[in-house]
Protein backbone atom coordinates (compact mmCIF):
# COMPACT_ATOMS: atom_id res chain seq x y z
CA UNK A 1 -2.23 -8.40 5.10
CA UNK A 2 0.23 -6.43 5.94
CA UNK A 3 0.65 -2.80 4.59
CA UNK A 4 3.96 -0.51 4.73
CA UNK A 5 2.40 2.77 3.52
CA UNK A 6 4.59 5.94 3.12
CA UNK A 7 3.21 9.69 3.09
CA UNK A 8 4.80 11.02 0.04
CA UNK A 9 5.50 14.07 -2.35
CA UNK A 10 5.10 12.32 -5.19
CA UNK A 11 6.22 8.34 -6.06
CA UNK A 12 6.27 6.03 -9.33
CA UNK A 13 6.48 2.94 -10.79
CA UNK A 14 8.44 1.92 -13.73
CA UNK A 15 8.43 -1.81 -15.17
CA UNK A 16 10.38 -2.46 -18.39
CA UNK A 17 11.36 0.89 -18.73
CA UNK A 18 7.49 2.48 -18.77
CA UNK A 19 5.77 4.22 -15.88
CA UNK A 20 3.43 2.56 -14.87
CA UNK A 21 2.20 4.49 -12.37
CA UNK A 22 2.55 8.05 -11.02
CA UNK A 23 1.16 10.15 -7.71
CA UNK A 24 1.86 13.30 -6.56
CA UNK A 25 0.81 14.29 -2.59
CA UNK A 26 -0.79 10.80 -1.33
CA UNK A 27 0.82 7.53 -0.33
CA UNK A 28 2.87 5.24 -1.05
CA UNK A 29 1.69 1.60 -0.15
CA UNK A 30 3.90 -1.52 -0.16
CA UNK A 31 0.49 -4.64 0.17
CA UNK A 32 1.15 -7.79 1.28
CA UNK A 33 -0.95 -10.58 1.52
CA UNK A 34 -0.36 -13.39 4.16
CA UNK A 35 -1.97 -16.84 2.85
CA UNK A 36 -4.65 -16.94 5.54
CA UNK A 37 -6.02 -12.98 4.41
CA UNK A 38 -9.96 -13.20 3.18
CA UNK A 39 -11.70 -10.37 1.75
CA UNK A 40 -12.68 -9.29 5.18
CA UNK A 41 -8.41 -8.17 5.63
CA UNK A 42 -8.56 -6.50 2.69
CA UNK A 43 -11.79 -4.62 3.71
CA UNK A 44 -10.25 -4.01 6.78
CA UNK A 45 -6.68 -2.86 5.47
CA UNK A 46 -8.64 -0.55 2.33
CA UNK A 47 -10.73 1.20 4.92
CA UNK A 48 -7.61 2.06 7.33
CA UNK A 49 -5.48 3.69 4.59
CA UNK A 50 -8.80 5.30 3.09
CA UNK A 51 -9.41 6.93 6.70
CA UNK A 52 -5.39 7.17 8.14
CA UNK A 53 -5.66 11.06 9.64
CA UNK A 54 -1.56 12.01 8.82
CA UNK A 55 -1.70 14.90 6.68
CA UNK A 56 -1.13 18.07 8.43
CA UNK A 57 -3.66 20.78 9.75
CA UNK A 58 -2.96 24.40 9.43
CA UNK A 59 -1.23 24.03 12.99
CA UNK A 60 0.99 21.17 11.82
CA UNK A 61 -0.79 18.40 13.36
CA UNK A 62 -1.38 15.15 11.82
CA UNK A 63 -5.24 15.44 11.72
CA UNK A 64 -5.94 15.64 7.84
CA UNK A 65 -7.57 12.44 6.08
CA UNK A 66 -6.92 11.68 2.46
CA UNK A 67 -9.75 12.40 1.15
CA UNK A 68 -9.43 16.03 2.58
CA UNK A 69 -6.05 16.38 1.45
CA UNK A 70 -6.48 15.29 -2.47
CA UNK A 71 -4.33 12.35 -1.66
CA UNK A 72 -3.46 9.79 -4.28
CA UNK A 73 -2.36 6.65 -3.48
CA UNK A 74 0.63 4.06 -6.10
CA UNK A 75 -0.38 0.51 -4.37
CA UNK A 76 2.21 -1.77 -5.02
CA UNK A 77 1.81 -5.83 -4.29
CA UNK A 78 4.78 -6.85 -1.83
CA UNK A 79 4.51 -10.69 -1.21
CA UNK A 80 8.45 -10.00 0.96
CA UNK A 81 6.42 -8.38 3.45
CA UNK A 82 5.86 -11.79 4.97
CA UNK A 83 9.33 -13.14 5.32
CA UNK A 84 10.38 -15.31 7.67
CA UNK A 85 13.80 -14.37 8.63
CA UNK A 86 14.31 -16.94 10.93
CA UNK A 87 17.36 -17.86 8.91
CA UNK A 88 19.83 -15.66 7.09
CA UNK A 89 18.09 -16.85 3.74
CA UNK A 90 14.25 -15.42 4.39
CA UNK A 91 11.22 -17.45 3.45
CA UNK A 92 8.41 -16.60 1.88
CA UNK A 93 6.01 -19.46 2.38
CA UNK A 94 3.49 -17.51 4.85
CA UNK A 95 2.72 -14.82 1.91
CA UNK A 96 -0.47 -15.80 -0.33
CA UNK A 97 0.01 -17.93 -3.94
CA UNK A 98 -0.95 -15.52 -6.91
CA UNK A 99 -4.40 -17.45 -7.05
CA UNK A 100 -5.38 -16.57 -3.82
CA UNK A 101 -3.03 -13.03 -3.20
CA UNK A 102 -4.29 -10.98 -7.02
CA UNK A 103 -8.39 -11.26 -6.04
CA UNK A 104 -7.28 -9.70 -1.92
CA UNK A 105 -4.85 -7.07 -3.95
CA UNK A 106 -7.20 -5.67 -6.62
CA UNK A 107 -10.36 -5.73 -3.72
CA UNK A 108 -8.17 -3.67 -1.64
CA UNK A 109 -7.57 -1.17 -5.20
CA UNK A 110 -11.20 -1.47 -6.12
CA UNK A 111 -12.25 -0.62 -2.74
CA UNK A 112 -10.16 2.52 -2.03
CA UNK A 113 -11.51 3.90 -5.97
CA UNK A 114 -14.95 2.84 -4.53
CA UNK A 115 -14.09 5.60 -1.83
CA UNK A 116 -13.47 8.11 -4.23
CA UNK A 117 -9.74 8.02 -4.37
CA UNK A 118 -7.50 8.09 -7.64
CA UNK A 119 -5.37 4.91 -7.47
CA UNK A 120 -2.66 3.84 -9.47
CA UNK A 121 -1.02 0.56 -9.40
CA UNK A 122 2.49 -1.53 -10.12
CA UNK A 123 2.03 -4.91 -11.88
CA UNK A 124 1.33 -7.89 -9.49
CA UNK A 125 4.33 -10.35 -9.71
CA UNK A 126 5.79 -7.89 -12.24
CA UNK A 127 9.86 -6.64 -11.35
CA UNK A 128 8.90 -2.77 -10.55
CA UNK A 129 11.59 -0.49 -9.88
CA UNK A 130 9.49 1.89 -7.33
CA UNK A 131 10.90 5.57 -6.60
CA UNK A 132 9.46 7.99 -3.86
CA UNK A 133 10.00 11.42 -2.27
CA UNK A 134 9.00 10.75 1.25
CA UNK A 135 7.16 13.51 3.07
CA UNK A 136 7.94 14.05 6.97
CA UNK A 137 8.92 11.26 6.52
CA UNK A 138 6.07 10.03 7.94
CA UNK A 139 6.13 5.69 7.35
CA UNK A 140 3.11 3.83 8.89
CA UNK A 141 3.28 0.15 8.79
CA UNK A 142 -0.42 -1.69 9.19
CA UNK A 143 -1.28 -4.87 10.11
CA UNK A 144 -4.92 -6.45 9.93
CA UNK A 145 -3.73 -8.54 13.09
CA UNK A 146 -3.02 -5.77 14.85
CA UNK A 147 -6.20 -3.36 13.61
């Protein structure tokens, strides 16, 4: 499982001209599910998202976790994170099919909510327009194969 996590001042997702999710301070998370991922990877990446200390403390050091920072999450499904770009036209054969990806995507969301976070989402498979005001900017790439 891969996530591109950006610390934001605000972020939103629009689907069909309507805002589907909007947050203030927090994380915009683009989440991709690999064909080999299991619940273990979903729980691992949710744990990392919920505990990553990348908010600044009173000394300007990245030392504050999202709970203590009052962060909210906007989690968007993003199968293109598993693009194979060996040729000029990306292939997506390693991204999980929807029947596998949707439950794992939803498990990450549920796990973050179970830990007390307010989580907004997009819609799996929909054409979405995502806007964000990056804070820092701070962007972290998480891959469960490296965690």
